Amino acid sequence: MSDDEQKSESSDKPWWSEAIKDLTSAGLATVFMTEESVRGYLREKKYPKEMVGQLLDTMNRRKDDVYKVIGKEVGAFLSKIDLTKEASRFLETHRISFEGKVAFEPKDSENRKKEKKDG
């Protein structure tokens, strides 16, 4: 299909067809975006404020729904696991080691006060 044919097909579609396509793809991506970044994206597209408000409301509801489903699934998965048994099995094949450093260093502001008093 040539570019001219594609252009004529897209011009045959109503203006809102492309808007719905953009909003749908934006709606799917909003799960992973902050509300401010979604607002910025929609400002670039210059959609009506009512449409932006509706999309943001829907985005927040869908995001909450996704988090609820993920929480429920993770909870169901963890409830089926015997953590004591799994921890024991892990510790049978692994060694625990701790390494650390403890240091007492003066703070910069306290050093300056001491230098002024001594000097």
PDB file of N, CA and C in Angstrom:
ATOM      1  N   MET A   1       0.848  -1.168   0.000  1.00  0.00           N
ATOM      2  CA  MET A   1       0.000   0.000   0.000  1.00  0.00           C
ATOM      3  C   MET A   1       0.902   1.241   0.000  1.00  0.00           C
ATOM      4  N   SER A   2       0.626   2.190  -0.854  1.00  0.00           N
ATOM      5  CA  SER A   2       1.468   3.378  -0.962  1.00  0.00           C
ATOM      6  C   SER A   2       1.108   4.380   0.125  1.00  0.00           C
ATOM      7  N   ASP A   3       1.977   5.389   0.290  1.00  0.00           N
ATOM      8  CA  ASP A   3       1.730   6.429   1.296  1.00  0.00           C
ATOM      9  C   ASP A   3       0.469   7.218   0.985  1.00  0.00           C
ATOM     10  N   ASP A   4       0.209   7.452  -0.304  1.00  0.00           N
ATOM     11  CA  ASP A   4      -0.989   8.201  -0.690  1.00  0.00           C
ATOM     12  C   ASP A   4      -2.251   7.455  -0.298  1.00  0.00           C
ATOM     13  N   GLU A   5      -2.244   6.101  -0.501  1.00  0.00           N
ATOM     14  CA  GLU A   5      -3.409   5.312  -0.131  1.00  0.00           C
ATOM     15  C   GLU A   5      -3.626   5.324   1.377  1.00  0.00           C
ATOM     16  N   GLN A   6      -2.516   5.260   2.144  1.00  0.00           N
ATOM     17  CA  GLN A   6      -2.636   5.296   3.602  1.00  0.00           C
ATOM     18  C   GLN A   6      -3.189   6.635   4.059  1.00  0.00           C
ATOM     19  N   LYS A   7      -2.726   7.715   3.456  1.00  0.00           N
ATOM     20  CA  LYS A   7      -3.210   9.051   3.830  1.00  0.00           C
ATOM     21  C   LYS A   7      -4.684   9.201   3.524  1.00  0.00           C
ATOM     22  N   SER A   8      -5.116   8.690   2.357  1.00  0.00           N
ATOM     23  CA  SER A   8      -6.527   8.825   2.018  1.00  0.00           C
ATOM     24  C   SER A   8      -7.392   7.989   2.948  1.00  0.00           C
ATOM     25  N   GLU A   9      -6.893   6.819   3.368  1.00  0.00           N
ATOM     26  CA  GLU A   9      -7.649   6.009   4.321  1.00  0.00           C
ATOM     27  C   GLU A   9      -7.769   6.708   5.657  1.00  0.00           C
ATOM     28  N   SER A  10      -6.659   7.306   6.141  1.00  0.00           N
ATOM     29  CA  SER A  10      -6.718   7.973   7.434  1.00  0.00           C
ATOM     30  C   SER A  10      -7.579   9.226   7.370  1.00  0.00           C
ATOM     31  N   SER A  11      -7.649   9.885   6.219  1.00  0.00           N
ATOM     32  CA  SER A  11      -8.477  11.085   6.118  1.00  0.00           C
ATOM     33  C   SER A  11      -9.951  10.713   6.020  1.00  0.00           C
ATOM     34  N   ASP A  12     -10.260   9.470   5.637  1.00  0.00           N
ATOM     35  CA  ASP A  12     -11.645   9.015   5.581  1.00  0.00           C
ATOM     36  C   ASP A  12     -12.206   8.769   6.978  1.00  0.00           C
ATOM     37  N   LYS A  13     -11.327   8.560   7.953  1.00  0.00           N
ATOM     38  CA  LYS A  13     -11.765   8.291   9.318  1.00  0.00           C
ATOM     39  C   LYS A  13     -12.124   9.607  10.007  1.00  0.00           C
ATOM     40  N   PRO A  14     -13.106   9.568  10.905  1.00  0.00           N
ATOM     41  CA  PRO A  14     -13.433  10.786  11.665  1.00  0.00           C
ATOM     42  C   PRO A  14     -12.286  11.162  12.609  1.00  0.00           C
ATOM     43  N   TRP A  15     -12.219  12.438  12.998  1.00  0.00           N
ATOM     44  CA  TRP A  15     -11.128  12.941  13.846  1.00  0.00           C
ATOM     45  C   TRP A  15     -11.050  12.200  15.156  1.00  0.00           C
ATOM     46  N   TRP A  16     -12.186  11.798  15.689  1.00  0.00           N
ATOM     47  CA  TRP A  16     -12.192  11.159  17.000  1.00  0.00           C
ATOM     48  C   TRP A  16     -11.654   9.741  16.963  1.00  0.00           C
ATOM     49  N   SER A  17     -11.578   9.139  15.774  1.00  0.00           N
ATOM     50  CA  SER A  17     -11.033   7.794  15.662  1.00  0.00           C
ATOM     51  C   SER A  17      -9.572   7.760  16.098  1.00  0.00           C
ATOM     52  N   GLU A  18      -8.795   8.730  15.618  1.00  0.00           N
ATOM     53  CA  GLU A  18      -7.379   8.813  16.009  1.00  0.00           C
ATOM     54  C   GLU A  18      -7.266   9.186  17.487  1.00  0.00           C
ATOM     55  N   ALA A  19      -8.161  10.032  17.975  1.00  0.00           N
ATOM     56  CA  ALA A  19      -8.141  10.422  19.390  1.00  0.00           C
ATOM     57  C   ALA A  19      -8.392   9.213  20.277  1.00  0.00           C
ATOM     58  N   ILE A  20      -9.346   8.378  19.905  1.00  0.00           N
ATOM     59  CA  ILE A  20      -9.641   7.182  20.698  1.00  0.00           C
ATOM     60  C   ILE A  20      -8.455   6.233  20.677  1.00  0.00           C
ATOM     61  N   LYS A  21      -7.830   6.101  19.514  1.00  0.00           N
ATOM     62  CA  LYS A  21      -6.644   5.246  19.409  1.00  0.00           C
ATOM     63  C   LYS A  21      -5.541   5.756  20.331  1.00  0.00           C
ATOM     64  N   ASP A  22      -5.275   7.067  20.311  1.00  0.00           N
ATOM     65  CA  ASP A  22      -4.254   7.655  21.180  1.00  0.00           C
ATOM     66  C   ASP A  22      -4.603   7.479  22.648  1.00  0.00           C
ATOM     67  N   LEU A  23      -5.854   7.742  22.996  1.00  0.00           N
ATOM     68  CA  LEU A  23      -6.265   7.641  24.393  1.00  0.00           C
ATOM     69  C   LEU A  23      -6.209   6.207  24.894  1.00  0.00           C
ATOM     70  N   THR A  24      -6.533   5.250  24.032  1.00  0.00           N
ATOM     71  CA  THR A  24      -6.460   3.849  24.431  1.00  0.00           C
ATOM     72  C   THR A  24      -5.025   3.444  24.711  1.00  0.00           C
ATOM     73  N   SER A  25      -4.128   3.816  23.803  1.00  0.00           N
ATOM     74  CA  SER A  25      -2.725   3.470  24.040  1.00  0.00           C
ATOM     75  C   SER A  25      -2.185   4.220  25.243  1.00  0.00           C
ATOM     76  N   ALA A  26      -2.601   5.466  25.429  1.00  0.00           N
ATOM     77  CA  ALA A  26      -2.177   6.221  26.611  1.00  0.00           C
ATOM     78  C   ALA A  26      -2.756   5.593  27.870  1.00  0.00           C
ATOM     79  N   GLY A  27      -3.989   5.137  27.799  1.00  0.00           N
ATOM     80  CA  GLY A  27      -4.632   4.521  28.952  1.00  0.00           C
ATOM     81  C   GLY A  27      -3.911   3.274  29.411  1.00  0.00           C
ATOM     82  N   LEU A  28      -3.428   2.479  28.467  1.00  0.00           N
ATOM     83  CA  LEU A  28      -2.688   1.271  28.827  1.00  0.00           C
ATOM     84  C   LEU A  28      -1.338   1.624  29.445  1.00  0.00           C
ATOM     85  N   ALA A  29      -0.731   2.683  28.963  1.00  0.00           N
ATOM     86  CA  ALA A  29       0.583   3.073  29.471  1.00  0.00           C
ATOM     87  C   ALA A  29       0.493   3.778  30.822  1.00  0.00           C
ATOM     88  N   THR A  30      -0.674   4.312  31.166  1.00  0.00           N
ATOM     89  CA  THR A  30      -0.795   5.091  32.397  1.00  0.00           C
ATOM     90  C   THR A  30      -0.598   4.261  33.654  1.00  0.00           C
ATOM     91  N   VAL A  31      -0.716   2.963  33.548  1.00  0.00           N
ATOM     92  CA  VAL A  31      -0.500   2.110  34.715  1.00  0.00           C
ATOM     93  C   VAL A  31       0.911   2.323  35.255  1.00  0.00           C
ATOM     94  N   PHE A  32       1.843   2.616  34.358  1.00  0.00           N
ATOM     95  CA  PHE A  32       3.238   2.751  34.745  1.00  0.00           C
ATOM     96  C   PHE A  32       3.708   4.199  34.774  1.00  0.00           C
ATOM     97  N   MET A  33       2.809   5.145  34.590  1.00  0.00           N
ATOM     98  CA  MET A  33       3.190   6.557  34.554  1.00  0.00           C
ATOM     99  C   MET A  33       2.610   7.289  35.760  1.00  0.00           C
ATOM    100  N   THR A  34       3.255   8.391  36.128  1.00  0.00           N
ATOM    101  CA  THR A  34       2.695   9.233  37.172  1.00  0.00           C
ATOM    102  C   THR A  34       1.581  10.082  36.578  1.00  0.00           C
ATOM    103  N   GLU A  35       0.732  10.590  37.432  1.00  0.00           N
ATOM    104  CA  GLU A  35      -0.378  11.404  36.952  1.00  0.00           C
ATOM    105  C   GLU A  35       0.132  12.649  36.240  1.00  0.00           C
ATOM    106  N   GLU A  36       1.212  13.226  36.743  1.00  0.00           N
ATOM    107  CA  GLU A  36       1.766  14.437  36.134  1.00  0.00           C
ATOM    108  C   GLU A  36       2.293  14.159  34.726  1.00  0.00           C
ATOM    109  N   SER A  37       2.940  13.018  34.523  1.00  0.00           N
ATOM    110  CA  SER A  37       3.445  12.700  33.186  1.00  0.00           C
ATOM    111  C   SER A  37       2.289  12.424  32.223  1.00  0.00           C
ATOM    112  N   VAL A  38       1.197  11.854  32.732  1.00  0.00           N
ATOM    113  CA  VAL A  38       0.018  11.638  31.882  1.00  0.00           C
ATOM    114  C   VAL A  38      -0.587  12.975  31.498  1.00  0.00           C
ATOM    115  N   ARG A  39      -0.679  13.892  32.464  1.00  0.00           N
ATOM    116  CA  ARG A  39      -1.203  15.227  32.158  1.00  0.00           C
ATOM    117  C   ARG A  39      -0.354  15.906  31.074  1.00  0.00           C
ATOM    118  N   GLY A  40       0.956  15.796  31.210  1.00  0.00           N
ATOM    119  CA  GLY A  40       1.847  16.393  30.216  1.00  0.00           C
ATOM    120  C   GLY A  40       1.637  15.797  28.837  1.00  0.00           C
ATOM    121  N   TYR A  41       1.489  14.487  28.783  1.00  0.00           N
ATOM    122  CA  TYR A  41       1.251  13.813  27.508  1.00  0.00           C
ATOM    123  C   TYR A  41      -0.048  14.304  26.881  1.00  0.00           C
ATOM    124  N   LEU A  42      -1.088  14.398  27.692  1.00  0.00           N
ATOM    125  CA  LEU A  42      -2.387  14.809  27.162  1.00  0.00           C
ATOM    126  C   LEU A  42      -2.396  16.287  26.773  1.00  0.00           C
ATOM    127  N   ARG A  43      -1.622  17.122  27.469  1.00  0.00           N
ATOM    128  CA  ARG A  43      -1.504  18.539  27.086  1.00  0.00           C
ATOM    129  C   ARG A  43      -0.881  18.657  25.695  1.00  0.00           C
ATOM    130  N   GLU A  44       0.127  17.814  25.431  1.00  0.00           N
ATOM    131  CA  GLU A  44       0.769  17.834  24.112  1.00  0.00           C
ATOM    132  C   GLU A  44      -0.234  17.488  23.010  1.00  0.00           C
ATOM    133  N   LYS A  45      -1.153  16.579  23.304  1.00  0.00           N
ATOM    134  CA  LYS A  45      -2.146  16.160  22.318  1.00  0.00           C
ATOM    135  C   LYS A  45      -3.282  17.169  22.170  1.00  0.00           C
ATOM    136  N   LYS A  46      -3.395  18.090  23.116  1.00  0.00           N
ATOM    137  CA  LYS A  46      -4.402  19.166  23.094  1.00  0.00           C
ATOM    138  C   LYS A  46      -5.834  18.637  23.045  1.00  0.00           C
ATOM    139  N   TYR A  47      -6.138  17.714  23.964  1.00  0.00           N
ATOM    140  CA  TYR A  47      -7.490  17.202  24.077  1.00  0.00           C
ATOM    141  C   TYR A  47      -8.303  18.116  24.986  1.00  0.00           C
ATOM    142  N   PRO A  48      -9.634  18.072  24.864  1.00  0.00           N
ATOM    143  CA  PRO A  48     -10.488  18.889  25.734  1.00  0.00           C
ATOM    144  C   PRO A  48     -10.299  18.520  27.208  1.00  0.00           C
ATOM    145  N   LYS A  49     -10.465  19.512  28.093  1.00  0.00           N
ATOM    146  CA  LYS A  49     -10.247  19.295  29.526  1.00  0.00           C
ATOM    147  C   LYS A  49     -11.155  18.215  30.088  1.00  0.00           C
ATOM    148  N   GLU A  50     -12.389  18.144  29.604  1.00  0.00           N
ATOM    149  CA  GLU A  50     -13.315  17.125  30.095  1.00  0.00           C
ATOM    150  C   GLU A  50     -12.797  15.728  29.781  1.00  0.00           C
ATOM    151  N   MET A  51     -12.250  15.572  28.580  1.00  0.00           N
ATOM    152  CA  MET A  51     -11.724  14.275  28.170  1.00  0.00           C
ATOM    153  C   MET A  51     -10.497  13.917  29.013  1.00  0.00           C
ATOM    154  N   VAL A  52      -9.655  14.906  29.277  1.00  0.00           N
ATOM    155  CA  VAL A  52      -8.456  14.680  30.093  1.00  0.00           C
ATOM    156  C   VAL A  52      -8.861  14.287  31.508  1.00  0.00           C
ATOM    157  N   GLY A  53      -9.818  14.997  32.074  1.00  0.00           N
ATOM    158  CA  GLY A  53     -10.287  14.682  33.420  1.00  0.00           C
ATOM    159  C   GLY A  53     -10.863  13.283  33.509  1.00  0.00           C
ATOM    160  N   GLN A  54     -11.658  12.917  32.518  1.00  0.00           N
ATOM    161  CA  GLN A  54     -12.252  11.582  32.495  1.00  0.00           C
ATOM    162  C   GLN A  54     -11.174  10.514  32.384  1.00  0.00           C
ATOM    163  N   LEU A  55     -10.187  10.747  31.529  1.00  0.00           N
ATOM    164  CA  LEU A  55      -9.108   9.771  31.373  1.00  0.00           C
ATOM    165  C   LEU A  55      -8.308   9.629  32.658  1.00  0.00           C
ATOM    166  N   LEU A  56      -8.037  10.744  33.336  1.00  0.00           N
ATOM    167  CA  LEU A  56      -7.282  10.681  34.591  1.00  0.00           C
ATOM    168  C   LEU A  56      -8.058   9.941  35.674  1.00  0.00           C
ATOM    169  N   ASP A  57      -9.374  10.179  35.742  1.00  0.00           N
ATOM    170  CA  ASP A  57     -10.198   9.441  36.706  1.00  0.00           C
ATOM    171  C   ASP A  57     -10.167   7.945  36.408  1.00  0.00           C
ATOM    172  N   THR A  58     -10.330   7.607  35.140  1.00  0.00           N
ATOM    173  CA  THR A  58     -10.304   6.212  34.731  1.00  0.00           C
ATOM    174  C   THR A  58      -8.935   5.602  35.006  1.00  0.00           C
ATOM    175  N   MET A  59      -7.878   6.376  34.721  1.00  0.00           N
ATOM    176  CA  MET A  59      -6.522   5.899  34.952  1.00  0.00           C
ATOM    177  C   MET A  59      -6.320   5.550  36.426  1.00  0.00           C
ATOM    178  N   ASN A  60      -6.758   6.421  37.304  1.00  0.00           N
ATOM    179  CA  ASN A  60      -6.582   6.169  38.739  1.00  0.00           C
ATOM    180  C   ASN A  60      -7.367   4.940  39.187  1.00  0.00           C
ATOM    181  N   ARG A  61      -8.579   4.774  38.670  1.00  0.00           N
ATOM    182  CA  ARG A  61      -9.365   3.581  39.033  1.00  0.00           C
ATOM    183  C   ARG A  61      -8.702   2.310  38.516  1.00  0.00           C
ATOM    184  N   ARG A  62      -8.231   2.338  37.286  1.00  0.00           N
ATOM    185  CA  ARG A  62      -7.595   1.160  36.695  1.00  0.00           C
ATOM    186  C   ARG A  62      -6.281   0.834  37.393  1.00  0.00           C
ATOM    187  N   LYS A  63      -5.547   1.859  37.747  1.00  0.00           N
ATOM    188  CA  LYS A  63      -4.283   1.641  38.444  1.00  0.00           C
ATOM    189  C   LYS A  63      -4.555   0.975  39.791  1.00  0.00           C
ATOM    190  N   ASP A  64      -5.567   1.452  40.502  1.00  0.00           N
ATOM    191  CA  ASP A  64      -5.939   0.833  41.778  1.00  0.00           C
ATOM    192  C   ASP A  64      -6.368  -0.620  41.565  1.00  0.00           C
ATOM    193  N   ASP A  65      -7.136  -0.856  40.496  1.00  0.00           N
ATOM    194  CA  ASP A  65      -7.574  -2.227  40.191  1.00  0.00           C
ATOM    195  C   ASP A  65      -6.387  -3.137  39.920  1.00  0.00           C
ATOM    196  N   VAL A  66      -5.420  -2.646  39.150  1.00  0.00           N
ATOM    197  CA  VAL A  66      -4.235  -3.451  38.830  1.00  0.00           C
ATOM    198  C   VAL A  66      -3.472  -3.776  40.107  1.00  0.00           C
ATOM    199  N   TYR A  67      -3.285  -2.776  40.967  1.00  0.00           N
ATOM    200  CA  TYR A  67      -2.557  -3.011  42.215  1.00  0.00           C
ATOM    201  C   TYR A  67      -3.299  -3.991  43.120  1.00  0.00           C
ATOM    202  N   LYS A  68      -4.622  -3.922  43.154  1.00  0.00           N
ATOM    203  CA  LYS A  68      -5.397  -4.866  43.956  1.00  0.00           C
ATOM    204  C   LYS A  68      -5.221  -6.296  43.445  1.00  0.00           C
ATOM    205  N   VAL A  69      -5.281  -6.453  42.132  1.00  0.00           N
ATOM    206  CA  VAL A  69      -5.126  -7.789  41.548  1.00  0.00           C
ATOM    207  C   VAL A  69      -3.723  -8.322  41.829  1.00  0.00           C
ATOM    208  N   ILE A  70      -2.714  -7.485  41.637  1.00  0.00           N
ATOM    209  CA  ILE A  70      -1.338  -7.921  41.898  1.00  0.00           C
ATOM    210  C   ILE A  70      -1.177  -8.301  43.366  1.00  0.00           C
ATOM    211  N   GLY A  71      -1.703  -7.473  44.256  1.00  0.00           N
ATOM    212  CA  GLY A  71      -1.625  -7.771  45.688  1.00  0.00           C
ATOM    213  C   GLY A  71      -2.321  -9.070  46.046  1.00  0.00           C
ATOM    214  N   LYS A  72      -3.486  -9.275  45.458  1.00  0.00           N
ATOM    215  CA  LYS A  72      -4.242 -10.498  45.730  1.00  0.00           C
ATOM    216  C   LYS A  72      -3.487 -11.722  45.227  1.00  0.00           C
ATOM    217  N   GLU A  73      -2.928 -11.645  44.025  1.00  0.00           N
ATOM    218  CA  GLU A  73      -2.194 -12.777  43.459  1.00  0.00           C
ATOM    219  C   GLU A  73      -0.919 -13.075  44.233  1.00  0.00           C
ATOM    220  N   VAL A  74      -0.184 -12.042  44.603  1.00  0.00           N
ATOM    221  CA  VAL A  74       1.038 -12.248  45.387  1.00  0.00           C
ATOM    222  C   VAL A  74       0.686 -12.834  46.750  1.00  0.00           C
ATOM    223  N   GLY A  75      -0.372 -12.324  47.362  1.00  0.00           N
ATOM    224  CA  GLY A  75      -0.820 -12.861  48.644  1.00  0.00           C
ATOM    225  C   GLY A  75      -1.219 -14.322  48.547  1.00  0.00           C
ATOM    226  N   ALA A  76      -1.954 -14.673  47.481  1.00  0.00           N
ATOM    227  CA  ALA A  76      -2.358 -16.070  47.294  1.00  0.00           C
ATOM    228  C   ALA A  76      -1.131 -16.960  47.083  1.00  0.00           C
ATOM    229  N   PHE A  77      -0.163 -16.473  46.320  1.00  0.00           N
ATOM    230  CA  PHE A  77       1.052 -17.241  46.082  1.00  0.00           C
ATOM    231  C   PHE A  77       1.823 -17.452  47.380  1.00  0.00           C
ATOM    232  N   LEU A  78       1.988 -16.386  48.154  1.00  0.00           N
ATOM    233  CA  LEU A  78       2.744 -16.491  49.404  1.00  0.00           C
ATOM    234  C   LEU A  78       2.027 -17.340  50.440  1.00  0.00           C
ATOM    235  N   SER A  79       0.699 -17.349  50.400  1.00  0.00           N
ATOM    236  CA  SER A  79      -0.039 -18.159  51.370  1.00  0.00           C
ATOM    237  C   SER A  79       0.132 -19.654  51.103  1.00  0.00           C
ATOM    238  N   LYS A  80       0.487 -20.019  49.887  1.00  0.00           N
ATOM    239  CA  LYS A  80       0.684 -21.423  49.538  1.00  0.00           C
ATOM    240  C   LYS A  80       2.085 -21.915  49.863  1.00  0.00           C
ATOM    241  N   ILE A  81       2.982 -21.013  50.190  1.00  0.00           N
ATOM    242  CA  ILE A  81       4.376 -21.378  50.439  1.00  0.00           C
ATOM    243  C   ILE A  81       4.601 -21.567  51.935  1.00  0.00           C
ATOM    244  N   ASP A  82       5.296 -22.637  52.292  1.00  0.00           N
ATOM    245  CA  ASP A  82       5.717 -22.859  53.671  1.00  0.00           C
ATOM    246  C   ASP A  82       7.072 -22.164  53.830  1.00  0.00           C
ATOM    247  N   LEU A  83       7.039 -20.947  54.359  1.00  0.00           N
ATOM    248  CA  LEU A  83       8.259 -20.141  54.433  1.00  0.00           C
ATOM    249  C   LEU A  83       9.334 -20.779  55.297  1.00  0.00           C
ATOM    250  N   THR A  84       8.939 -21.457  56.381  1.00  0.00           N
ATOM    251  CA  THR A  84       9.914 -22.109  57.248  1.00  0.00           C
ATOM    252  C   THR A  84      10.649 -23.206  56.492  1.00  0.00           C
ATOM    253  N   LYS A  85       9.904 -24.004  55.756  1.00  0.00           N
ATOM    254  CA  LYS A  85      10.498 -25.088  54.978  1.00  0.00           C
ATOM    255  C   LYS A  85      11.423 -24.531  53.893  1.00  0.00           C
ATOM    256  N   GLU A  86      10.973 -23.497  53.203  1.00  0.00           N
ATOM    257  CA  GLU A  86      11.777 -22.906  52.133  1.00  0.00           C
ATOM    258  C   GLU A  86      13.039 -22.248  52.691  1.00  0.00           C
ATOM    259  N   ALA A  87      12.926 -21.569  53.823  1.00  0.00           N
ATOM    260  CA  ALA A  87      14.097 -20.953  54.445  1.00  0.00           C
ATOM    261  C   ALA A  87      15.089 -22.015  54.888  1.00  0.00           C
ATOM    262  N   SER A  88      14.599 -23.097  55.455  1.00  0.00           N
ATOM    263  CA  SER A  88      15.480 -24.194  55.883  1.00  0.00           C
ATOM    264  C   SER A  88      16.209 -24.794  54.689  1.00  0.00           C
ATOM    265  N   ARG A  89      15.492 -25.031  53.610  1.00  0.00           N
ATOM    266  CA  ARG A  89      16.103 -25.595  52.409  1.00  0.00           C
ATOM    267  C   ARG A  89      17.158 -24.637  51.839  1.00  0.00           C
ATOM    268  N   PHE A  90      16.869 -23.351  51.857  1.00  0.00           N
ATOM    269  CA  PHE A  90      17.822 -22.359  51.367  1.00  0.00           C
ATOM    270  C   PHE A  90      19.080 -22.335  52.230  1.00  0.00           C
ATOM    271  N   LEU A  91      18.892 -22.362  53.557  1.00  0.00           N
ATOM    272  CA  LEU A  91      20.033 -22.279  54.467  1.00  0.00           C
ATOM    273  C   LEU A  91      20.886 -23.547  54.460  1.00  0.00           C
ATOM    274  N   GLU A  92      20.321 -24.673  54.046  1.00  0.00           N
ATOM    275  CA  GLU A  92      21.109 -25.900  53.938  1.00  0.00           C
ATOM    276  C   GLU A  92      22.166 -25.793  52.844  1.00  0.00           C
ATOM    277  N   THR A  93      21.907 -24.987  51.849  1.00  0.00           N
ATOM    278  CA  THR A  93      22.828 -24.886  50.707  1.00  0.00           C
ATOM    279  C   THR A  93      23.543 -23.538  50.623  1.00  0.00           C
ATOM    280  N   HIS A  94      23.293 -22.662  51.570  1.00  0.00           N
ATOM    281  CA  HIS A  94      23.924 -21.342  51.551  1.00  0.00           C
ATOM    282  C   HIS A  94      24.530 -21.011  52.910  1.00  0.00           C
ATOM    283  N   ARG A  95      25.515 -20.164  52.897  1.00  0.00           N
ATOM    284  CA  ARG A  95      26.172 -19.710  54.112  1.00  0.00           C
ATOM    285  C   ARG A  95      25.863 -18.220  54.281  1.00  0.00           C
ATOM    286  N   ILE A  96      25.674 -17.817  55.490  1.00  0.00           N
ATOM    287  CA  ILE A  96      25.420 -16.403  55.779  1.00  0.00           C
ATOM    288  C   ILE A  96      26.706 -15.778  56.282  1.00  0.00           C
ATOM    289  N   SER A  97      27.054 -14.636  55.712  1.00  0.00           N
ATOM    290  CA  SER A  97      28.213 -13.903  56.210  1.00  0.00           C
ATOM    291  C   SER A  97      27.852 -12.428  56.284  1.00  0.00           C
ATOM    292  N   PHE A  98      28.356 -11.802  57.317  1.00  0.00           N
ATOM    293  CA  PHE A  98      28.133 -10.376  57.513  1.00  0.00           C
ATOM    294  C   PHE A  98      29.469  -9.671  57.469  1.00  0.00           C
ATOM    295  N   GLU A  99      29.512  -8.578  56.758  1.00  0.00           N
ATOM    296  CA  GLU A  99      30.698  -7.744  56.732  1.00  0.00           C
ATOM    297  C   GLU A  99      30.250  -6.322  57.005  1.00  0.00           C
ATOM    298  N   GLY A 100      31.031  -5.620  57.779  1.00  0.00           N
ATOM    299  CA  GLY A 100      30.639  -4.259  58.079  1.00  0.00           C
ATOM    300  C   GLY A 100      31.816  -3.415  58.477  1.00  0.00           C
ATOM    301  N   LYS A 101      31.561  -2.158  58.572  1.00  0.00           N
ATOM    302  CA  LYS A 101      32.584  -1.205  58.957  1.00  0.00           C
ATOM    303  C   LYS A 101      31.944  -0.251  59.947  1.00  0.00           C
ATOM    304  N   VAL A 102      32.628  -0.050  61.045  1.00  0.00           N
ATOM    305  CA  VAL A 102      32.161   0.910  62.039  1.00  0.00           C
ATOM    306  C   VAL A 102      33.241   1.967  62.168  1.00  0.00           C
ATOM    307  N   ALA A 103      32.866   3.203  62.036  1.00  0.00           N
ATOM    308  CA  ALA A 103      33.841   4.297  62.132  1.00  0.00           C
ATOM    309  C   ALA A 103      33.187   5.463  62.850  1.00  0.00           C
ATOM    310  N   PHE A 104      33.977   6.140  63.655  1.00  0.00           N
ATOM    311  CA  PHE A 104      33.526   7.343  64.328  1.00  0.00           C
ATOM    312  C   PHE A 104      34.288   8.511  63.720  1.00  0.00           C
ATOM    313  N   GLU A 105      33.579   9.350  62.992  1.00  0.00           N
ATOM    314  CA  GLU A 105      34.220  10.470  62.312  1.00  0.00           C
ATOM    315  C   GLU A 105      33.522  11.745  62.741  1.00  0.00           C
ATOM    316  N   PRO A 106      34.298  12.783  63.022  1.00  0.00           N
ATOM    317  CA  PRO A 106      33.682  14.044  63.441  1.00  0.00           C
ATOM    318  C   PRO A 106      32.908  14.692  62.291  1.00  0.00           C
ATOM    319  N   LYS A 107      31.861  15.385  62.654  1.00  0.00           N
ATOM    320  CA  LYS A 107      31.072  16.118  61.667  1.00  0.00           C
ATOM    321  C   LYS A 107      31.833  17.389  61.301  1.00  0.00           C
ATOM    322  N   ASP A 108      31.677  17.868  60.125  1.00  0.00           N
ATOM    323  CA  ASP A 108      32.395  19.049  59.647  1.00  0.00           C
ATOM    324  C   ASP A 108      32.099  20.289  60.483  1.00  0.00           C
ATOM    325  N   SER A 109      30.857  20.513  60.832  1.00  0.00           N
ATOM    326  CA  SER A 109      30.503  21.721  61.581  1.00  0.00           C
ATOM    327  C   SER A 109      31.116  21.700  62.978  1.00  0.00           C
ATOM    328  N   GLU A 110      31.204  20.547  63.591  1.00  0.00           N
ATOM    329  CA  GLU A 110      31.817  20.445  64.916  1.00  0.00           C
ATOM    330  C   GLU A 110      33.321  20.688  64.837  1.00  0.00           C
ATOM    331  N   ASN A 111      33.957  20.231  63.748  1.00  0.00           N
ATOM    332  CA  ASN A 111      35.388  20.474  63.559  1.00  0.00           C
ATOM    333  C   ASN A 111      35.675  21.964  63.472  1.00  0.00           C
ATOM    334  N   ARG A 112      34.852  22.690  62.769  1.00  0.00           N
ATOM    335  CA  ARG A 112      35.067  24.125  62.596  1.00  0.00           C
ATOM    336  C   ARG A 112      34.931  24.860  63.942  1.00  0.00           C
ATOM    337  N   LYS A 113      33.937  24.442  64.741  1.00  0.00           N
ATOM    338  CA  LYS A 113      33.740  25.073  66.055  1.00  0.00           C
ATOM    339  C   LYS A 113      34.958  24.839  66.943  1.00  0.00           C
ATOM    340  N   LYS A 114      35.475  23.617  66.925  1.00  0.00           N
ATOM    341  CA  LYS A 114      36.636  23.290  67.738  1.00  0.00           C
ATOM    342  C   LYS A 114      37.863  24.073  67.278  1.00  0.00           C
ATOM    343  N   GLU A 115      38.035  24.209  65.963  1.00  0.00           N
ATOM    344  CA  GLU A 115      39.191  24.942  65.432  1.00  0.00           C
ATOM    345  C   GLU A 115      39.121  26.403  65.834  1.00  0.00           C
ATOM    346  N   LYS A 116      37.915  26.984  65.849  1.00  0.00           N
ATOM    347  CA  LYS A 116      37.761  28.375  66.232  1.00  0.00           C
ATOM    348  C   LYS A 116      38.078  28.568  67.716  1.00  0.00           C
ATOM    349  N   LYS A 117      37.627  27.617  68.564  1.00  0.00           N
ATOM    350  CA  LYS A 117      37.889  27.713  69.990  1.00  0.00           C
ATOM    351  C   LYS A 117      39.378  27.512  70.284  1.00  0.00           C
ATOM    352  N   ASP A 118      40.016  26.561  69.610  1.00  0.00           N
ATOM    353  CA  ASP A 118      41.428  26.259  69.838  1.00  0.00           C
ATOM    354  C   ASP A 118      42.311  27.359  69.252  1.00  0.00           C
ATOM    355  N   GLY A 119      41.899  27.974  68.194  1.00  0.00           N
ATOM    356  CA  GLY A 119      42.751  28.905  67.463  1.00  0.00           C
ATOM    357  C   GLY A 119      42.649  30.282  67.927  1.00  0.00           C
TER     358      GLY A 119
END
